Amino acid sequence: MAQDSAVLQVRLDERLKQAFADAAWRDSTTPSGALRALVQAYVRESRRKEARRQSRLVAAAPDADETEALIADVQDLGDAESRS
């Protein structure tokens, strides 16, 4: 499966760059593969943080009970559709 790719320019001092490359090779991956994994992990964590933030906003809303009931209904609908 082909991946879309882009060049990411990052300023690192030479010692850190070499240490990162050495660590990647020790982990049996390429520096670009290690960086890709780091970026993916960062994006996942950022999405989790945003979801927690949104949940806190919903819970703090004056109509939180109604909103949570609607969310549960939508989730139940999605679960029912995935089973069929």
PDB file of N, CA and C in Angstrom:
ATOM      1  N   MET A   1       0.846  -1.163   0.000  1.00  0.00           N
ATOM      2  CA  MET A   1       0.000   0.000   0.000  1.00  0.00           C
ATOM      3  C   MET A   1       0.898   1.235   0.000  1.00  0.00           C
ATOM      4  N   ALA A   2       0.721   2.094  -0.955  1.00  0.00           N
ATOM      5  CA  ALA A   2       1.527   3.311  -1.056  1.00  0.00           C
ATOM      6  C   ALA A   2       1.032   4.344  -0.055  1.00  0.00           C
ATOM      7  N   GLN A   3       1.972   5.085   0.493  1.00  0.00           N
ATOM      8  CA  GLN A   3       1.618   6.134   1.445  1.00  0.00           C
ATOM      9  C   GLN A   3       1.887   7.482   0.822  1.00  0.00           C
ATOM     10  N   ASP A   4       0.983   8.428   1.067  1.00  0.00           N
ATOM     11  CA  ASP A   4       1.279   9.804   0.699  1.00  0.00           C
ATOM     12  C   ASP A   4       2.364  10.271   1.643  1.00  0.00           C
ATOM     13  N   SER A   5       3.242  11.094   1.152  1.00  0.00           N
ATOM     14  CA  SER A   5       4.308  11.556   2.029  1.00  0.00           C
ATOM     15  C   SER A   5       4.603  13.017   1.764  1.00  0.00           C
ATOM     16  N   ALA A   6       5.258  13.610   2.715  1.00  0.00           N
ATOM     17  CA  ALA A   6       5.682  15.001   2.615  1.00  0.00           C
ATOM     18  C   ALA A   6       7.012  15.126   3.329  1.00  0.00           C
ATOM     19  N   VAL A   7       7.743  16.135   2.974  1.00  0.00           N
ATOM     20  CA  VAL A   7       9.017  16.391   3.633  1.00  0.00           C
ATOM     21  C   VAL A   7       8.747  17.276   4.838  1.00  0.00           C
ATOM     22  N   LEU A   8       9.270  16.864   5.974  1.00  0.00           N
ATOM     23  CA  LEU A   8       9.136  17.624   7.206  1.00  0.00           C
ATOM     24  C   LEU A   8      10.521  18.132   7.576  1.00  0.00           C
ATOM     25  N   GLN A   9      10.672  19.423   7.598  1.00  0.00           N
ATOM     26  CA  GLN A   9      11.971  19.993   7.934  1.00  0.00           C
ATOM     27  C   GLN A   9      11.988  20.355   9.411  1.00  0.00           C
ATOM     28  N   VAL A  10      12.971  19.813  10.107  1.00  0.00           N
ATOM     29  CA  VAL A  10      13.102  20.040  11.540  1.00  0.00           C
ATOM     30  C   VAL A  10      14.539  20.445  11.823  1.00  0.00           C
ATOM     31  N   ARG A  11      14.704  21.470  12.611  1.00  0.00           N
ATOM     32  CA  ARG A  11      16.053  21.898  12.981  1.00  0.00           C
ATOM     33  C   ARG A  11      16.483  21.152  14.243  1.00  0.00           C
ATOM     34  N   LEU A  12      17.541  20.374  14.106  1.00  0.00           N
ATOM     35  CA  LEU A  12      18.122  19.637  15.226  1.00  0.00           C
ATOM     36  C   LEU A  12      19.620  19.861  15.213  1.00  0.00           C
ATOM     37  N   ASP A  13      20.201  19.844  16.403  1.00  0.00           N
ATOM     38  CA  ASP A  13      21.654  19.909  16.386  1.00  0.00           C
ATOM     39  C   ASP A  13      22.184  18.552  15.927  1.00  0.00           C
ATOM     40  N   GLU A  14      23.367  18.539  15.413  1.00  0.00           N
ATOM     41  CA  GLU A  14      23.924  17.342  14.774  1.00  0.00           C
ATOM     42  C   GLU A  14      24.020  16.163  15.745  1.00  0.00           C
ATOM     43  N   ARG A  15      24.380  16.428  17.003  1.00  0.00           N
ATOM     44  CA  ARG A  15      24.496  15.319  17.974  1.00  0.00           C
ATOM     45  C   ARG A  15      23.141  14.676  18.231  1.00  0.00           C
ATOM     46  N   LEU A  16      22.099  15.478  18.380  1.00  0.00           N
ATOM     47  CA  LEU A  16      20.765  14.932  18.608  1.00  0.00           C
ATOM     48  C   LEU A  16      20.284  14.160  17.382  1.00  0.00           C
ATOM     49  N   LYS A  17      20.537  14.692  16.212  1.00  0.00           N
ATOM     50  CA  LYS A  17      20.159  14.017  14.968  1.00  0.00           C
ATOM     51  C   LYS A  17      20.834  12.652  14.877  1.00  0.00           C
ATOM     52  N   GLN A  18      22.118  12.589  15.174  1.00  0.00           N
ATOM     53  CA  GLN A  18      22.846  11.322  15.106  1.00  0.00           C
ATOM     54  C   GLN A  18      22.363  10.358  16.186  1.00  0.00           C
ATOM     55  N   ALA A  19      22.108  10.858  17.390  1.00  0.00           N
ATOM     56  CA  ALA A  19      21.612  10.000  18.468  1.00  0.00           C
ATOM     57  C   ALA A  19      20.245   9.412  18.105  1.00  0.00           C
ATOM     58  N   PHE A  20      19.389  10.221  17.477  1.00  0.00           N
ATOM     59  CA  PHE A  20      18.073   9.742  17.057  1.00  0.00           C
ATOM     60  C   PHE A  20      18.216   8.654  15.995  1.00  0.00           C
ATOM     61  N   ALA A  21      19.066   8.891  15.014  1.00  0.00           N
ATOM     62  CA  ALA A  21      19.283   7.896  13.955  1.00  0.00           C
ATOM     63  C   ALA A  21      19.840   6.603  14.535  1.00  0.00           C
ATOM     64  N   ASP A  22      20.803   6.710  15.455  1.00  0.00           N
ATOM     65  CA  ASP A  22      21.371   5.512  16.091  1.00  0.00           C
ATOM     66  C   ASP A  22      20.303   4.747  16.868  1.00  0.00           C
ATOM     67  N   ALA A  23      19.468   5.474  17.610  1.00  0.00           N
ATOM     68  CA  ALA A  23      18.404   4.830  18.382  1.00  0.00           C
ATOM     69  C   ALA A  23      17.409   4.135  17.458  1.00  0.00           C
ATOM     70  N   ALA A  24      17.076   4.763  16.354  1.00  0.00           N
ATOM     71  CA  ALA A  24      16.143   4.156  15.401  1.00  0.00           C
ATOM     72  C   ALA A  24      16.712   2.854  14.858  1.00  0.00           C
ATOM     73  N   TRP A  25      17.971   2.864  14.469  1.00  0.00           N
ATOM     74  CA  TRP A  25      18.585   1.651  13.928  1.00  0.00           C
ATOM     75  C   TRP A  25      18.650   0.556  14.992  1.00  0.00           C
ATOM     76  N   ARG A  26      18.931   0.923  16.253  1.00  0.00           N
ATOM     77  CA  ARG A  26      18.943  -0.074  17.334  1.00  0.00           C
ATOM     78  C   ARG A  26      17.563  -0.698  17.503  1.00  0.00           C
ATOM     79  N   ASP A  27      16.514   0.076  17.252  1.00  0.00           N
ATOM     80  CA  ASP A  27      15.149  -0.439  17.354  1.00  0.00           C
ATOM     81  C   ASP A  27      14.693  -1.114  16.062  1.00  0.00           C
ATOM     82  N   SER A  28      15.630  -1.371  15.173  1.00  0.00           N
ATOM     83  CA  SER A  28      15.359  -2.060  13.900  1.00  0.00           C
ATOM     84  C   SER A  28      14.358  -1.314  13.032  1.00  0.00           C
ATOM     85  N   THR A  29      14.483  -0.023  12.984  1.00  0.00           N
ATOM     86  CA  THR A  29      13.648   0.777  12.099  1.00  0.00           C
ATOM     87  C   THR A  29      14.518   1.861  11.481  1.00  0.00           C
ATOM     88  N   THR A  30      13.945   2.596  10.583  1.00  0.00           N
ATOM     89  CA  THR A  30      14.674   3.707   9.971  1.00  0.00           C
ATOM     90  C   THR A  30      14.371   4.980  10.755  1.00  0.00           C
ATOM     91  N   PRO A  31      15.214   5.981  10.644  1.00  0.00           N
ATOM     92  CA  PRO A  31      14.888   7.251  11.299  1.00  0.00           C
ATOM     93  C   PRO A  31      13.536   7.805  10.844  1.00  0.00           C
ATOM     94  N   SER A  32      13.232   7.689   9.560  1.00  0.00           N
ATOM     95  CA  SER A  32      11.935   8.196   9.091  1.00  0.00           C
ATOM     96  C   SER A  32      10.787   7.368   9.665  1.00  0.00           C
ATOM     97  N   GLY A  33      10.986   6.063   9.801  1.00  0.00           N
ATOM     98  CA  GLY A  33       9.953   5.220  10.409  1.00  0.00           C
ATOM     99  C   GLY A  33       9.733   5.563  11.873  1.00  0.00           C
ATOM    100  N   ALA A  34      10.827   5.816  12.585  1.00  0.00           N
ATOM    101  CA  ALA A  34      10.720   6.195  13.995  1.00  0.00           C
ATOM    102  C   ALA A  34      10.027   7.545  14.132  1.00  0.00           C
ATOM    103  N   LEU A  35      10.383   8.488  13.274  1.00  0.00           N
ATOM    104  CA  LEU A  35       9.756   9.809  13.325  1.00  0.00           C
ATOM    105  C   LEU A  35       8.271   9.718  12.976  1.00  0.00           C
ATOM    106  N   ARG A  36       7.939   8.887  12.004  1.00  0.00           N
ATOM    107  CA  ARG A  36       6.534   8.681  11.632  1.00  0.00           C
ATOM    108  C   ARG A  36       5.751   8.137  12.830  1.00  0.00           C
ATOM    109  N   ALA A  37       6.329   7.159  13.541  1.00  0.00           N
ATOM    110  CA  ALA A  37       5.662   6.589  14.714  1.00  0.00           C
ATOM    111  C   ALA A  37       5.481   7.642  15.806  1.00  0.00           C
ATOM    112  N   LEU A  38       6.491   8.485  16.002  1.00  0.00           N
ATOM    113  CA  LEU A  38       6.380   9.560  16.991  1.00  0.00           C
ATOM    114  C   LEU A  38       5.272  10.542  16.621  1.00  0.00           C
ATOM    115  N   VAL A  39       5.205  10.901  15.353  1.00  0.00           N
ATOM    116  CA  VAL A  39       4.177  11.844  14.901  1.00  0.00           C
ATOM    117  C   VAL A  39       2.791  11.222  15.064  1.00  0.00           C
ATOM    118  N   GLN A  40       2.648   9.945  14.702  1.00  0.00           N
ATOM    119  CA  GLN A  40       1.358   9.270  14.848  1.00  0.00           C
ATOM    120  C   GLN A  40       0.933   9.223  16.314  1.00  0.00           C
ATOM    121  N   ALA A  41       1.875   8.906  17.200  1.00  0.00           N
ATOM    122  CA  ALA A  41       1.565   8.864  18.632  1.00  0.00           C
ATOM    123  C   ALA A  41       1.162  10.245  19.136  1.00  0.00           C
ATOM    124  N   TYR A  42       1.845  11.270  18.669  1.00  0.00           N
ATOM    125  CA  TYR A  42       1.520  12.642  19.073  1.00  0.00           C
ATOM    126  C   TYR A  42       0.114  13.023  18.619  1.00  0.00           C
ATOM    127  N   VAL A  43      -0.220  12.678  17.389  1.00  0.00           N
ATOM    128  CA  VAL A  43      -1.550  12.998  16.852  1.00  0.00           C
ATOM    129  C   VAL A  43      -2.631  12.253  17.635  1.00  0.00           C
ATOM    130  N   ARG A  44      -2.406  10.963  17.926  1.00  0.00           N
ATOM    131  CA  ARG A  44      -3.387  10.196  18.712  1.00  0.00           C
ATOM    132  C   ARG A  44      -3.599  10.833  20.082  1.00  0.00           C
ATOM    133  N   GLU A  45      -2.503  11.185  20.755  1.00  0.00           N
ATOM    134  CA  GLU A  45      -2.606  11.785  22.083  1.00  0.00           C
ATOM    135  C   GLU A  45      -3.304  13.143  22.017  1.00  0.00           C
ATOM    136  N   SER A  46      -3.007  13.915  20.987  1.00  0.00           N
ATOM    137  CA  SER A  46      -3.659  15.208  20.822  1.00  0.00           C
ATOM    138  C   SER A  46      -5.163  15.035  20.635  1.00  0.00           C
ATOM    139  N   ARG A  47      -5.559  14.035  19.865  1.00  0.00           N
ATOM    140  CA  ARG A  47      -6.991  13.768  19.660  1.00  0.00           C
ATOM    141  C   ARG A  47      -7.657  13.328  20.958  1.00  0.00           C
ATOM    142  N   ARG A  48      -6.950  12.512  21.751  1.00  0.00           N
ATOM    143  CA  ARG A  48      -7.502  12.095  23.047  1.00  0.00           C
ATOM    144  C   ARG A  48      -7.700  13.298  23.964  1.00  0.00           C
ATOM    145  N   LYS A  49      -6.703  14.179  23.994  1.00  0.00           N
ATOM    146  CA  LYS A  49      -6.815  15.384  24.827  1.00  0.00           C
ATOM    147  C   LYS A  49      -8.004  16.232  24.393  1.00  0.00           C
ATOM    148  N   GLU A  50      -8.174  16.381  23.092  1.00  0.00           N
ATOM    149  CA  GLU A  50      -9.293  17.180  22.584  1.00  0.00           C
ATOM    150  C   GLU A  50     -10.625  16.516  22.924  1.00  0.00           C
ATOM    151  N   ALA A  51     -10.691  15.191  22.827  1.00  0.00           N
ATOM    152  CA  ALA A  51     -11.924  14.484  23.177  1.00  0.00           C
ATOM    153  C   ALA A  51     -12.240  14.667  24.662  1.00  0.00           C
ATOM    154  N   ARG A  52     -11.206  14.596  25.522  1.00  0.00           N
ATOM    155  CA  ARG A  52     -11.433  14.827  26.954  1.00  0.00           C
ATOM    156  C   ARG A  52     -11.908  16.255  27.203  1.00  0.00           C
ATOM    157  N   ARG A  53     -11.308  17.209  26.495  1.00  0.00           N
ATOM    158  CA  ARG A  53     -11.709  18.608  26.647  1.00  0.00           C
ATOM    159  C   ARG A  53     -13.171  18.789  26.233  1.00  0.00           C
ATOM    160  N   GLN A  54     -13.531  18.189  25.100  1.00  0.00           N
ATOM    161  CA  GLN A  54     -14.914  18.282  24.628  1.00  0.00           C
ATOM    162  C   GLN A  54     -15.872  17.625  25.624  1.00  0.00           C
ATOM    163  N   SER A  55     -15.462  16.494  26.198  1.00  0.00           N
ATOM    164  CA  SER A  55     -16.308  15.809  27.179  1.00  0.00           C
ATOM    165  C   SER A  55     -16.536  16.679  28.407  1.00  0.00           C
ATOM    166  N   ARG A  56     -15.475  17.357  28.848  1.00  0.00           N
ATOM    167  CA  ARG A  56     -15.626  18.255  30.001  1.00  0.00           C
ATOM    168  C   ARG A  56     -16.586  19.398  29.671  1.00  0.00           C
ATOM    169  N   LEU A  57     -16.492  19.923  28.459  1.00  0.00           N
ATOM    170  CA  LEU A  57     -17.400  20.999  28.054  1.00  0.00           C
ATOM    171  C   LEU A  57     -18.848  20.520  28.035  1.00  0.00           C
ATOM    172  N   VAL A  58     -19.057  19.324  27.503  1.00  0.00           N
ATOM    173  CA  VAL A  58     -20.413  18.770  27.450  1.00  0.00           C
ATOM    174  C   VAL A  58     -20.932  18.540  28.863  1.00  0.00           C
ATOM    175  N   ALA A  59     -20.084  17.969  29.725  1.00  0.00           N
ATOM    176  CA  ALA A  59     -20.511  17.682  31.096  1.00  0.00           C
ATOM    177  C   ALA A  59     -20.824  18.960  31.869  1.00  0.00           C
ATOM    178  N   ALA A  60     -20.152  20.050  31.539  1.00  0.00           N
ATOM    179  CA  ALA A  60     -20.365  21.313  32.249  1.00  0.00           C
ATOM    180  C   ALA A  60     -21.529  22.123  31.684  1.00  0.00           C
ATOM    181  N   ALA A  61     -22.049  21.720  30.552  1.00  0.00           N
ATOM    182  CA  ALA A  61     -23.133  22.475  29.910  1.00  0.00           C
ATOM    183  C   ALA A  61     -24.412  22.373  30.740  1.00  0.00           C
ATOM    184  N   PRO A  62     -25.238  23.415  30.693  1.00  0.00           N
ATOM    185  CA  PRO A  62     -26.492  23.398  31.459  1.00  0.00           C
ATOM    186  C   PRO A  62     -27.412  22.243  31.055  1.00  0.00           C
ATOM    187  N   ASP A  63     -27.365  21.842  29.804  1.00  0.00           N
ATOM    188  CA  ASP A  63     -28.216  20.750  29.324  1.00  0.00           C
ATOM    189  C   ASP A  63     -27.402  19.472  29.135  1.00  0.00           C
ATOM    190  N   ALA A  64     -26.456  19.226  30.029  1.00  0.00           N
ATOM    191  CA  ALA A  64     -25.535  18.094  29.895  1.00  0.00           C
ATOM    192  C   ALA A  64     -26.268  16.759  29.849  1.00  0.00           C
ATOM    193  N   ASP A  65     -27.282  16.583  30.693  1.00  0.00           N
ATOM    194  CA  ASP A  65     -28.003  15.303  30.713  1.00  0.00           C
ATOM    195  C   ASP A  65     -28.662  15.016  29.366  1.00  0.00           C
ATOM    196  N   GLU A  66     -29.287  16.028  28.792  1.00  0.00           N
ATOM    197  CA  GLU A  66     -29.935  15.856  27.488  1.00  0.00           C
ATOM    198  C   GLU A  66     -28.894  15.566  26.408  1.00  0.00           C
ATOM    199  N   THR A  67     -27.780  16.291  26.443  1.00  0.00           N
ATOM    200  CA  THR A  67     -26.717  16.096  25.457  1.00  0.00           C
ATOM    201  C   THR A  67     -26.137  14.691  25.557  1.00  0.00           C
ATOM    202  N   GLU A  68     -25.874  14.230  26.776  1.00  0.00           N
ATOM    203  CA  GLU A  68     -25.324  12.882  26.957  1.00  0.00           C
ATOM    204  C   GLU A  68     -26.307  11.817  26.494  1.00  0.00           C
ATOM    205  N   ALA A  69     -27.596  12.038  26.710  1.00  0.00           N
ATOM    206  CA  ALA A  69     -28.608  11.089  26.232  1.00  0.00           C
ATOM    207  C   ALA A  69     -28.613  11.032  24.707  1.00  0.00           C
ATOM    208  N   LEU A  70     -28.494  12.183  24.057  1.00  0.00           N
ATOM    209  CA  LEU A  70     -28.435  12.212  22.592  1.00  0.00           C
ATOM    210  C   LEU A  70     -27.186  11.501  22.083  1.00  0.00           C
ATOM    211  N   ILE A  71     -26.055  11.726  22.732  1.00  0.00           N
ATOM    212  CA  ILE A  71     -24.810  11.059  22.336  1.00  0.00           C
ATOM    213  C   ILE A  71     -24.963   9.552  22.473  1.00  0.00           C
ATOM    214  N   ALA A  72     -25.552   9.096  23.578  1.00  0.00           N
ATOM    215  CA  ALA A  72     -25.760   7.661  23.786  1.00  0.00           C
ATOM    216  C   ALA A  72     -26.671   7.087  22.710  1.00  0.00           C
ATOM    217  N   ASP A  73     -27.728   7.815  22.355  1.00  0.00           N
ATOM    218  CA  ASP A  73     -28.632   7.353  21.298  1.00  0.00           C
ATOM    219  C   ASP A  73     -27.900   7.201  19.971  1.00  0.00           C
ATOM    220  N   VAL A  74     -27.073   8.171  19.633  1.00  0.00           N
ATOM    221  CA  VAL A  74     -26.324   8.119  18.378  1.00  0.00           C
ATOM    222  C   VAL A  74     -25.337   6.959  18.403  1.00  0.00           C
ATOM    223  N   GLN A  75     -24.664   6.757  19.538  1.00  0.00           N
ATOM    224  CA  GLN A  75     -23.722   5.645  19.634  1.00  0.00           C
ATOM    225  C   GLN A  75     -24.442   4.311  19.517  1.00  0.00           C
ATOM    226  N   ASP A  76     -25.614   4.196  20.167  1.00  0.00           N
ATOM    227  CA  ASP A  76     -26.396   2.965  20.067  1.00  0.00           C
ATOM    228  C   ASP A  76     -26.821   2.706  18.629  1.00  0.00           C
ATOM    229  N   LEU A  77     -27.208   3.751  17.917  1.00  0.00           N
ATOM    230  CA  LEU A  77     -27.596   3.623  16.517  1.00  0.00           C
ATOM    231  C   LEU A  77     -26.412   3.135  15.688  1.00  0.00           C
ATOM    232  N   GLY A  78     -25.244   3.693  15.927  1.00  0.00           N
ATOM    233  CA  GLY A  78     -24.044   3.270  15.204  1.00  0.00           C
ATOM    234  C   GLY A  78     -23.691   1.824  15.492  1.00  0.00           C
ATOM    235  N   ASP A  79     -23.846   1.401  16.760  1.00  0.00           N
ATOM    236  CA  ASP A  79     -23.568   0.012  17.124  1.00  0.00           C
ATOM    237  C   ASP A  79     -24.536  -0.933  16.424  1.00  0.00           C
ATOM    238  N   ALA A  80     -25.814  -0.547  16.359  1.00  0.00           N
ATOM    239  CA  ALA A  80     -26.824  -1.381  15.703  1.00  0.00           C
ATOM    240  C   ALA A  80     -26.530  -1.517  14.214  1.00  0.00           C
ATOM    241  N   GLU A  81     -26.102  -0.427  13.579  1.00  0.00           N
ATOM    242  CA  GLU A  81     -25.788  -0.470  12.149  1.00  0.00           C
ATOM    243  C   GLU A  81     -24.560  -1.327  11.882  1.00  0.00           C
ATOM    244  N   SER A  82     -23.580  -1.306  12.770  1.00  0.00           N
ATOM    245  CA  SER A  82     -22.363  -2.085  12.540  1.00  0.00           C
ATOM    246  C   SER A  82     -22.616  -3.576  12.713  1.00  0.00           C
ATOM    247  N   ARG A  83     -23.643  -3.934  13.490  1.00  0.00           N
ATOM    248  CA  ARG A  83     -23.967  -5.345  13.685  1.00  0.00           C
ATOM    249  C   ARG A  83     -24.749  -5.926  12.518  1.00  0.00           C
ATOM    250  N   SER A  84     -25.431  -5.074  11.747  1.00  0.00           N
ATOM    251  CA  SER A  84     -26.270  -5.582  10.650  1.00  0.00           C
ATOM    252  C   SER A  84     -25.491  -5.773   9.384  1.00  0.00           C
TER     253      SER A  84
END
